[in-house]
Amino acid sequence: MEEEKKTEEKELAVPIAVTPPEYIKLMERIDTMDQKVEFVAGELWQRQGEKIGLVIGLLYGSMIALFTYVIFMI
């Protein structure tokens, strides 16, 4: 019984976290890499959006041109 209580008391202890300087440097490197990845991903999505915008613009332009052609031919 006493051994079970001691193990329960040990399990209820609050862990203490210590951050060594290497951990802080590692987190800074990870943050810089994350910023670079986000930048590159943003650039890629922007280029994809420009391509989609071009296609949609061509579609709307051709529809307007066709509409004006039909109106002036009547």
N, C-alpha and C. Protein backbone atom coordinates (compact mmCIF):
# COMPACT_ATOMS: atom_id res chain seq x y z
N MET A 1 0.81 -1.19 0.00
CA MET A 1 0.00 0.00 0.00
C MET A 1 0.86 1.26 0.00
N GLU A 2 1.84 1.28 0.84
CA GLU A 2 2.69 2.45 0.95
C GLU A 2 3.46 2.68 -0.34
N GLU A 3 3.87 1.61 -1.01
CA GLU A 3 4.60 1.74 -2.27
C GLU A 3 3.70 2.33 -3.35
N GLU A 4 2.43 1.95 -3.36
CA GLU A 4 1.50 2.49 -4.35
C GLU A 4 1.29 3.99 -4.13
N LYS A 5 1.20 4.41 -2.87
CA LYS A 5 1.02 5.82 -2.58
C LYS A 5 2.25 6.62 -3.00
N LYS A 6 3.43 6.05 -2.81
CA LYS A 6 4.65 6.75 -3.20
C LYS A 6 4.73 6.90 -4.71
N THR A 7 4.33 5.85 -5.44
CA THR A 7 4.36 5.96 -6.89
C THR A 7 3.32 6.96 -7.38
N GLU A 8 2.16 7.00 -6.72
CA GLU A 8 1.14 7.99 -7.09
C GLU A 8 1.63 9.39 -6.82
N GLU A 9 2.33 9.59 -5.73
CA GLU A 9 2.86 10.91 -5.41
C GLU A 9 3.92 11.32 -6.43
N LYS A 10 4.73 10.38 -6.86
CA LYS A 10 5.73 10.68 -7.87
C LYS A 10 5.08 11.04 -9.20
N GLU A 11 4.00 10.40 -9.57
CA GLU A 11 3.31 10.68 -10.82
C GLU A 11 2.64 12.05 -10.80
N LEU A 12 2.25 12.51 -9.63
CA LEU A 12 1.58 13.80 -9.53
C LEU A 12 2.54 14.97 -9.47
N ALA A 13 3.83 14.72 -9.47
CA ALA A 13 4.81 15.80 -9.42
C ALA A 13 4.77 16.60 -10.72
N VAL A 14 4.95 17.90 -10.61
CA VAL A 14 4.94 18.79 -11.76
C VAL A 14 6.33 18.79 -12.40
N PRO A 15 6.42 18.50 -13.71
CA PRO A 15 7.74 18.51 -14.34
C PRO A 15 8.24 19.94 -14.53
N ILE A 16 9.53 20.09 -14.45
CA ILE A 16 10.16 21.40 -14.63
C ILE A 16 10.93 21.36 -15.95
N ALA A 17 10.68 22.36 -16.80
CA ALA A 17 11.34 22.42 -18.10
C ALA A 17 12.46 23.46 -18.06
N VAL A 18 13.61 23.08 -18.55
CA VAL A 18 14.75 23.98 -18.61
C VAL A 18 15.13 24.12 -20.08
N THR A 19 15.29 25.35 -20.58
CA THR A 19 15.66 25.55 -21.98
C THR A 19 17.13 25.91 -22.09
N PRO A 20 17.92 25.02 -22.61
CA PRO A 20 19.34 25.33 -22.80
C PRO A 20 19.52 26.28 -23.98
N PRO A 21 20.66 26.92 -24.07
CA PRO A 21 20.90 27.87 -25.17
C PRO A 21 20.82 27.21 -26.55
N GLU A 22 21.18 25.93 -26.64
CA GLU A 22 21.12 25.25 -27.93
C GLU A 22 19.67 25.15 -28.42
N TYR A 23 18.76 24.94 -27.48
CA TYR A 23 17.35 24.84 -27.85
C TYR A 23 16.85 26.17 -28.40
N ILE A 24 17.28 27.26 -27.79
CA ILE A 24 16.86 28.59 -28.26
C ILE A 24 17.41 28.84 -29.65
N LYS A 25 18.68 28.49 -29.89
CA LYS A 25 19.27 28.66 -31.21
C LYS A 25 18.56 27.80 -32.24
N LEU A 26 18.21 26.58 -31.86
CA LEU A 26 17.50 25.68 -32.76
C LEU A 26 16.13 26.24 -33.13
N MET A 27 15.43 26.79 -32.16
CA MET A 27 14.11 27.37 -32.43
C MET A 27 14.23 28.60 -33.35
N GLU A 28 15.29 29.39 -33.19
CA GLU A 28 15.51 30.53 -34.08
C GLU A 28 15.76 30.07 -35.50
N ARG A 29 16.56 29.01 -35.67
CA ARG A 29 16.82 28.47 -37.01
C ARG A 29 15.54 27.92 -37.63
N ILE A 30 14.73 27.24 -36.83
CA ILE A 30 13.47 26.70 -37.34
C ILE A 30 12.54 27.83 -37.75
N ASP A 31 12.51 28.92 -36.97
CA ASP A 31 11.68 30.06 -37.32
C ASP A 31 12.10 30.70 -38.64
N THR A 32 13.42 30.84 -38.86
CA THR A 32 13.89 31.43 -40.11
C THR A 32 13.56 30.53 -41.29
N MET A 33 13.72 29.21 -41.10
CA MET A 33 13.37 28.28 -42.18
C MET A 33 11.87 28.33 -42.46
N ASP A 34 11.07 28.44 -41.43
CA ASP A 34 9.62 28.52 -41.59
C ASP A 34 9.23 29.78 -42.36
N GLN A 35 9.89 30.89 -42.06
CA GLN A 35 9.61 32.13 -42.77
C GLN A 35 9.96 32.00 -44.25
N LYS A 36 11.09 31.35 -44.56
CA LYS A 36 11.48 31.16 -45.95
C LYS A 36 10.49 30.27 -46.69
N VAL A 37 10.04 29.20 -46.03
CA VAL A 37 9.08 28.30 -46.66
C VAL A 37 7.76 29.02 -46.91
N GLU A 38 7.31 29.82 -45.94
CA GLU A 38 6.06 30.57 -46.12
C GLU A 38 6.19 31.57 -47.26
N PHE A 39 7.34 32.21 -47.39
CA PHE A 39 7.55 33.18 -48.46
C PHE A 39 7.48 32.49 -49.82
N VAL A 40 8.19 31.37 -49.95
CA VAL A 40 8.21 30.65 -51.22
C VAL A 40 6.81 30.12 -51.56
N ALA A 41 6.10 29.59 -50.57
CA ALA A 41 4.75 29.09 -50.81
C ALA A 41 3.84 30.23 -51.24
N GLY A 42 3.99 31.40 -50.63
CA GLY A 42 3.19 32.55 -51.01
C GLY A 42 3.46 32.99 -52.44
N GLU A 43 4.73 32.98 -52.83
CA GLU A 43 5.08 33.34 -54.20
C GLU A 43 4.49 32.35 -55.20
N LEU A 44 4.55 31.06 -54.87
CA LEU A 44 4.00 30.06 -55.77
C LEU A 44 2.49 30.21 -55.92
N TRP A 45 1.79 30.46 -54.82
CA TRP A 45 0.34 30.65 -54.89
C TRP A 45 0.00 31.93 -55.65
N GLN A 46 0.83 32.96 -55.52
CA GLN A 46 0.58 34.19 -56.26
C GLN A 46 0.71 33.95 -57.76
N ARG A 47 1.72 33.20 -58.17
CA ARG A 47 1.88 32.89 -59.59
C ARG A 47 0.71 32.05 -60.10
N GLN A 48 0.26 31.09 -59.29
CA GLN A 48 -0.88 30.27 -59.68
C GLN A 48 -2.13 31.14 -59.82
N GLY A 49 -2.30 32.09 -58.92
CA GLY A 49 -3.44 33.00 -59.00
C GLY A 49 -3.37 33.88 -60.24
N GLU A 50 -2.17 34.31 -60.61
CA GLU A 50 -2.03 35.10 -61.83
C GLU A 50 -2.40 34.29 -63.06
N LYS A 51 -2.03 33.03 -63.09
CA LYS A 51 -2.39 32.17 -64.23
C LYS A 51 -3.91 31.99 -64.31
N ILE A 52 -4.53 31.73 -63.17
CA ILE A 52 -5.98 31.55 -63.16
C ILE A 52 -6.68 32.86 -63.54
N GLY A 53 -6.17 33.98 -63.04
CA GLY A 53 -6.73 35.28 -63.39
C GLY A 53 -6.61 35.56 -64.87
N LEU A 54 -5.51 35.16 -65.49
CA LEU A 54 -5.33 35.34 -66.92
C LEU A 54 -6.38 34.55 -67.70
N VAL A 55 -6.59 33.30 -67.31
CA VAL A 55 -7.56 32.46 -68.01
C VAL A 55 -8.97 33.03 -67.85
N ILE A 56 -9.31 33.45 -66.64
CA ILE A 56 -10.65 34.01 -66.41
C ILE A 56 -10.81 35.33 -67.18
N GLY A 57 -9.78 36.15 -67.20
CA GLY A 57 -9.83 37.40 -67.96
C GLY A 57 -10.00 37.16 -69.44
N LEU A 58 -9.30 36.18 -69.99
CA LEU A 58 -9.46 35.85 -71.41
C LEU A 58 -10.88 35.35 -71.70
N LEU A 59 -11.41 34.56 -70.79
CA LEU A 59 -12.77 34.05 -70.98
C LEU A 59 -13.78 35.19 -70.96
N TYR A 60 -13.69 36.08 -69.97
CA TYR A 60 -14.62 37.21 -69.92
C TYR A 60 -14.43 38.14 -71.12
N GLY A 61 -13.20 38.36 -71.53
CA GLY A 61 -12.93 39.22 -72.68
C GLY A 61 -13.52 38.66 -73.96
N SER A 62 -13.35 37.35 -74.14
CA SER A 62 -13.91 36.74 -75.35
C SER A 62 -15.43 36.76 -75.32
N MET A 63 -16.05 36.58 -74.16
CA MET A 63 -17.51 36.62 -74.07
C MET A 63 -18.03 38.03 -74.35
N ILE A 64 -17.35 39.05 -73.83
CA ILE A 64 -17.76 40.43 -74.11
C ILE A 64 -17.59 40.76 -75.58
N ALA A 65 -16.48 40.30 -76.15
CA ALA A 65 -16.25 40.54 -77.58
C ALA A 65 -17.31 39.85 -78.43
N LEU A 66 -17.66 38.64 -78.09
CA LEU A 66 -18.70 37.92 -78.82
C LEU A 66 -20.05 38.61 -78.67
N PHE A 67 -20.35 39.07 -77.47
CA PHE A 67 -21.61 39.76 -77.21
C PHE A 67 -21.70 41.06 -78.02
N THR A 68 -20.61 41.85 -78.03
CA THR A 68 -20.63 43.10 -78.80
C THR A 68 -20.69 42.80 -80.30
N TYR A 69 -20.05 41.78 -80.76
CA TYR A 69 -20.11 41.39 -82.18
C TYR A 69 -21.53 41.05 -82.58
N VAL A 70 -22.22 40.26 -81.74
CA VAL A 70 -23.59 39.86 -82.03
C VAL A 70 -24.52 41.10 -82.02
N ILE A 71 -24.32 42.00 -81.08
CA ILE A 71 -25.17 43.20 -80.99
C ILE A 71 -24.98 44.09 -82.23
N PHE A 72 -23.74 44.29 -82.65
CA PHE A 72 -23.51 45.16 -83.79
C PHE A 72 -23.87 44.50 -85.13
N MET A 73 -23.92 43.20 -85.18
CA MET A 73 -24.31 42.52 -86.42
C MET A 73 -25.84 42.54 -86.59
N ILE A 74 -26.55 42.70 -85.48
CA ILE A 74 -28.02 42.73 -85.59
C ILE A 74 -28.42 44.09 -85.99
